[in-house]
Amino acid sequence: MSLYETLRHFADSYGLAVIFALYLTLCLWHFRPGAGVHVDTAKHSIFKDQDDV
């Protein structure tokens, strides 16, 4: 069995599961309980250098 076939078999089976788990982790990361402060900071960061005139 060649290296290509081994890597392809991994990508077809376990690679898909790993990528899906990573996707779910990254999508749900900002909904965790301790993320509120970071979300608020990011939400207001575009207004940081703006003067209220």
PDB file of N, CA and C in Angstrom:
ATOM      1  N   MET A   1       0.852  -1.170   0.000  1.00  0.00           N
ATOM      2  CA  MET A   1       0.000   0.000   0.000  1.00  0.00           C
ATOM      3  C   MET A   1       0.902   1.240   0.000  1.00  0.00           C
ATOM      4  N   SER A   2       0.617   2.148  -0.889  1.00  0.00           N
ATOM      5  CA  SER A   2       1.457   3.335  -1.014  1.00  0.00           C
ATOM      6  C   SER A   2       1.059   4.388   0.021  1.00  0.00           C
ATOM      7  N   LEU A   3       1.911   5.378   0.169  1.00  0.00           N
ATOM      8  CA  LEU A   3       1.643   6.470   1.106  1.00  0.00           C
ATOM      9  C   LEU A   3       0.398   7.247   0.673  1.00  0.00           C
ATOM     10  N   TYR A   4       0.249   7.446  -0.613  1.00  0.00           N
ATOM     11  CA  TYR A   4      -0.929   8.153  -1.125  1.00  0.00           C
ATOM     12  C   TYR A   4      -2.214   7.437  -0.729  1.00  0.00           C
ATOM     13  N   GLU A   5      -2.262   6.133  -0.916  1.00  0.00           N
ATOM     14  CA  GLU A   5      -3.463   5.376  -0.573  1.00  0.00           C
ATOM     15  C   GLU A   5      -3.733   5.407   0.925  1.00  0.00           C
ATOM     16  N   THR A   6      -2.688   5.370   1.720  1.00  0.00           N
ATOM     17  CA  THR A   6      -2.854   5.435   3.173  1.00  0.00           C
ATOM     18  C   THR A   6      -3.414   6.786   3.590  1.00  0.00           C
ATOM     19  N   LEU A   7      -2.859   7.856   3.060  1.00  0.00           N
ATOM     20  CA  LEU A   7      -3.343   9.193   3.396  1.00  0.00           C
ATOM     21  C   LEU A   7      -4.757   9.421   2.881  1.00  0.00           C
ATOM     22  N   ARG A   8      -5.058   8.900   1.720  1.00  0.00           N
ATOM     23  CA  ARG A   8      -6.404   9.052   1.186  1.00  0.00           C
ATOM     24  C   ARG A   8      -7.425   8.305   2.032  1.00  0.00           C
ATOM     25  N   HIS A   9      -7.068   7.113   2.469  1.00  0.00           N
ATOM     26  CA  HIS A   9      -7.965   6.348   3.333  1.00  0.00           C
ATOM     27  C   HIS A   9      -8.202   7.102   4.639  1.00  0.00           C
ATOM     28  N   PHE A  10      -7.151   7.689   5.210  1.00  0.00           N
ATOM     29  CA  PHE A  10      -7.293   8.469   6.437  1.00  0.00           C
ATOM     30  C   PHE A  10      -8.199   9.670   6.218  1.00  0.00           C
ATOM     31  N   ALA A  11      -7.996  10.384   5.110  1.00  0.00           N
ATOM     32  CA  ALA A  11      -8.800  11.572   4.819  1.00  0.00           C
ATOM     33  C   ALA A  11     -10.259  11.201   4.569  1.00  0.00           C
ATOM     34  N   ASP A  12     -10.500  10.067   3.948  1.00  0.00           N
ATOM     35  CA  ASP A  12     -11.875   9.640   3.669  1.00  0.00           C
ATOM     36  C   ASP A  12     -12.618   9.206   4.921  1.00  0.00           C
ATOM     37  N   SER A  13     -11.909   8.738   5.917  1.00  0.00           N
ATOM     38  CA  SER A  13     -12.597   8.219   7.096  1.00  0.00           C
ATOM     39  C   SER A  13     -12.410   9.124   8.304  1.00  0.00           C
ATOM     40  N   TYR A  14     -11.244   9.126   8.876  1.00  0.00           N
ATOM     41  CA  TYR A  14     -11.019   9.861  10.118  1.00  0.00           C
ATOM     42  C   TYR A  14     -10.828  11.356   9.884  1.00  0.00           C
ATOM     43  N   GLY A  15     -10.285  11.730   8.767  1.00  0.00           N
ATOM     44  CA  GLY A  15     -10.062  13.145   8.479  1.00  0.00           C
ATOM     45  C   GLY A  15     -11.353  13.935   8.462  1.00  0.00           C
ATOM     46  N   LEU A  16     -12.397  13.372   7.905  1.00  0.00           N
ATOM     47  CA  LEU A  16     -13.688  14.041   7.859  1.00  0.00           C
ATOM     48  C   LEU A  16     -14.246  14.248   9.265  1.00  0.00           C
ATOM     49  N   ALA A  17     -14.109  13.261  10.110  1.00  0.00           N
ATOM     50  CA  ALA A  17     -14.585  13.386  11.486  1.00  0.00           C
ATOM     51  C   ALA A  17     -13.788  14.454  12.243  1.00  0.00           C
ATOM     52  N   VAL A  18     -12.490  14.507  12.038  1.00  0.00           N
ATOM     53  CA  VAL A  18     -11.653  15.500  12.711  1.00  0.00           C
ATOM     54  C   VAL A  18     -12.011  16.908  12.236  1.00  0.00           C
ATOM     55  N   ILE A  19     -12.179  17.088  10.946  1.00  0.00           N
ATOM     56  CA  ILE A  19     -12.518  18.403  10.404  1.00  0.00           C
ATOM     57  C   ILE A  19     -13.900  18.843  10.899  1.00  0.00           C
ATOM     58  N   PHE A  20     -14.848  17.927  10.959  1.00  0.00           N
ATOM     59  CA  PHE A  20     -16.187  18.256  11.448  1.00  0.00           C
ATOM     60  C   PHE A  20     -16.150  18.648  12.926  1.00  0.00           C
ATOM     61  N   ALA A  21     -15.382  17.926  13.728  1.00  0.00           N
ATOM     62  CA  ALA A  21     -15.258  18.258  15.149  1.00  0.00           C
ATOM     63  C   ALA A  21     -14.589  19.614  15.325  1.00  0.00           C
ATOM     64  N   LEU A  22     -13.583  19.906  14.535  1.00  0.00           N
ATOM     65  CA  LEU A  22     -12.920  21.204  14.600  1.00  0.00           C
ATOM     66  C   LEU A  22     -13.874  22.318  14.194  1.00  0.00           C
ATOM     67  N   TYR A  23     -14.658  22.092  13.173  1.00  0.00           N
ATOM     68  CA  TYR A  23     -15.646  23.077  12.724  1.00  0.00           C
ATOM     69  C   TYR A  23     -16.650  23.385  13.834  1.00  0.00           C
ATOM     70  N   LEU A  24     -17.189  22.345  14.470  1.00  0.00           N
ATOM     71  CA  LEU A  24     -18.150  22.552  15.552  1.00  0.00           C
ATOM     72  C   LEU A  24     -17.508  23.286  16.728  1.00  0.00           C
ATOM     73  N   THR A  25     -16.282  22.937  17.048  1.00  0.00           N
ATOM     74  CA  THR A  25     -15.577  23.605  18.146  1.00  0.00           C
ATOM     75  C   THR A  25     -15.399  25.081  17.859  1.00  0.00           C
ATOM     76  N   LEU A  26     -14.973  25.416  16.661  1.00  0.00           N
ATOM     77  CA  LEU A  26     -14.752  26.818  16.315  1.00  0.00           C
ATOM     78  C   LEU A  26     -16.056  27.599  16.225  1.00  0.00           C
ATOM     79  N   CYS A  27     -17.114  26.971  15.763  1.00  0.00           N
ATOM     80  CA  CYS A  27     -18.405  27.660  15.668  1.00  0.00           C
ATOM     81  C   CYS A  27     -19.021  27.898  17.039  1.00  0.00           C
ATOM     82  N   LEU A  28     -18.851  26.963  17.948  1.00  0.00           N
ATOM     83  CA  LEU A  28     -19.481  27.077  19.258  1.00  0.00           C
ATOM     84  C   LEU A  28     -18.581  27.730  20.303  1.00  0.00           C
ATOM     85  N   TRP A  29     -17.343  28.046  19.957  1.00  0.00           N
ATOM     86  CA  TRP A  29     -16.381  28.587  20.916  1.00  0.00           C
ATOM     87  C   TRP A  29     -16.861  29.904  21.531  1.00  0.00           C
ATOM     88  N   HIS A  30     -17.485  30.761  20.759  1.00  0.00           N
ATOM     89  CA  HIS A  30     -17.889  32.059  21.298  1.00  0.00           C
ATOM     90  C   HIS A  30     -19.173  31.989  22.116  1.00  0.00           C
ATOM     91  N   PHE A  31     -19.821  30.839  22.186  1.00  0.00           N
ATOM     92  CA  PHE A  31     -21.006  30.683  23.022  1.00  0.00           C
ATOM     93  C   PHE A  31     -20.681  30.115  24.399  1.00  0.00           C
ATOM     94  N   ARG A  32     -19.425  29.861  24.691  1.00  0.00           N
ATOM     95  CA  ARG A  32     -19.058  29.316  25.991  1.00  0.00           C
ATOM     96  C   ARG A  32     -19.299  30.372  27.066  1.00  0.00           C
ATOM     97  N   PRO A  33     -19.506  29.966  28.319  1.00  0.00           N
ATOM     98  CA  PRO A  33     -19.879  30.910  29.376  1.00  0.00           C
ATOM     99  C   PRO A  33     -18.859  32.028  29.617  1.00  0.00           C
ATOM    100  N   GLY A  34     -17.574  31.773  29.514  1.00  0.00           N
ATOM    101  CA  GLY A  34     -16.580  32.791  29.818  1.00  0.00           C
ATOM    102  C   GLY A  34     -16.236  33.711  28.666  1.00  0.00           C
ATOM    103  N   ALA A  35     -16.903  33.573  27.558  1.00  0.00           N
ATOM    104  CA  ALA A  35     -16.536  34.334  26.369  1.00  0.00           C
ATOM    105  C   ALA A  35     -17.237  35.676  26.269  1.00  0.00           C
ATOM    106  N   GLY A  36     -18.135  35.987  27.179  1.00  0.00           N
ATOM    107  CA  GLY A  36     -18.917  37.220  27.086  1.00  0.00           C
ATOM    108  C   GLY A  36     -18.065  38.475  27.040  1.00  0.00           C
ATOM    109  N   VAL A  37     -17.023  38.528  27.862  1.00  0.00           N
ATOM    110  CA  VAL A  37     -16.147  39.702  27.889  1.00  0.00           C
ATOM    111  C   VAL A  37     -15.423  39.856  26.557  1.00  0.00           C
ATOM    112  N   HIS A  38     -14.927  38.764  26.020  1.00  0.00           N
ATOM    113  CA  HIS A  38     -14.197  38.812  24.753  1.00  0.00           C
ATOM    114  C   HIS A  38     -15.119  39.178  23.588  1.00  0.00           C
ATOM    115  N   VAL A  39     -16.341  38.673  23.631  1.00  0.00           N
ATOM    116  CA  VAL A  39     -17.305  38.991  22.579  1.00  0.00           C
ATOM    117  C   VAL A  39     -17.663  40.480  22.621  1.00  0.00           C
ATOM    118  N   ASP A  40     -17.874  41.018  23.821  1.00  0.00           N
ATOM    119  CA  ASP A  40     -18.186  42.448  23.942  1.00  0.00           C
ATOM    120  C   ASP A  40     -17.019  43.315  23.495  1.00  0.00           C
ATOM    121  N   THR A  41     -15.796  42.913  23.837  1.00  0.00           N
ATOM    122  CA  THR A  41     -14.613  43.661  23.405  1.00  0.00           C
ATOM    123  C   THR A  41     -14.506  43.666  21.886  1.00  0.00           C
ATOM    124  N   ALA A  42     -14.703  42.520  21.267  1.00  0.00           N
ATOM    125  CA  ALA A  42     -14.638  42.441  19.809  1.00  0.00           C
ATOM    126  C   ALA A  42     -15.772  43.211  19.158  1.00  0.00           C
ATOM    127  N   LYS A  43     -16.943  43.174  19.791  1.00  0.00           N
ATOM    128  CA  LYS A  43     -18.113  43.843  19.247  1.00  0.00           C
ATOM    129  C   LYS A  43     -17.922  45.354  19.195  1.00  0.00           C
ATOM    130  N   HIS A  44     -17.245  45.918  20.193  1.00  0.00           N
ATOM    131  CA  HIS A  44     -17.064  47.359  20.274  1.00  0.00           C
ATOM    132  C   HIS A  44     -15.703  47.826  19.773  1.00  0.00           C
ATOM    133  N   SER A  45     -14.875  46.919  19.293  1.00  0.00           N
ATOM    134  CA  SER A  45     -13.515  47.293  18.893  1.00  0.00           C
ATOM    135  C   SER A  45     -13.498  48.200  17.658  1.00  0.00           C
ATOM    136  N   ILE A  46     -14.503  48.160  16.811  1.00  0.00           N
ATOM    137  CA  ILE A  46     -14.489  49.000  15.622  1.00  0.00           C
ATOM    138  C   ILE A  46     -14.745  50.458  15.981  1.00  0.00           C
ATOM    139  N   PHE A  47     -15.269  50.719  17.178  1.00  0.00           N
ATOM    140  CA  PHE A  47     -15.548  52.076  17.610  1.00  0.00           C
ATOM    141  C   PHE A  47     -14.456  52.637  18.543  1.00  0.00           C
ATOM    142  N   LYS A  48     -13.397  51.886  18.754  1.00  0.00           N
ATOM    143  CA  LYS A  48     -12.379  52.256  19.736  1.00  0.00           C
ATOM    144  C   LYS A  48     -11.711  53.593  19.411  1.00  0.00           C
ATOM    145  N   ASP A  49     -11.367  53.851  18.171  1.00  0.00           N
ATOM    146  CA  ASP A  49     -10.645  55.049  17.786  1.00  0.00           C
ATOM    147  C   ASP A  49     -11.570  56.153  17.283  1.00  0.00           C
ATOM    148  N   GLN A  50     -12.854  55.999  17.441  1.00  0.00           N
ATOM    149  CA  GLN A  50     -13.805  56.978  16.936  1.00  0.00           C
ATOM    150  C   GLN A  50     -14.103  58.032  18.013  1.00  0.00           C
ATOM    151  N   ASP A  51     -14.060  59.291  17.621  1.00  0.00           N
ATOM    152  CA  ASP A  51     -14.389  60.380  18.539  1.00  0.00           C
ATOM    153  C   ASP A  51     -15.889  60.623  18.526  1.00  0.00           C
ATOM    154  N   ASP A  52     -16.465  60.825  19.684  1.00  0.00           N
ATOM    155  CA  ASP A  52     -17.900  61.134  19.786  1.00  0.00           C
ATOM    156  C   ASP A  52     -18.101  62.639  19.679  1.00  0.00           C
ATOM    157  N   VAL A  53     -18.212  63.115  18.449  1.00  0.00           N
ATOM    158  CA  VAL A  53     -18.371  64.562  18.211  1.00  0.00           C
ATOM    159  C   VAL A  53     -19.779  64.865  17.826  1.00  0.00           C
TER     160      VAL A  53
END
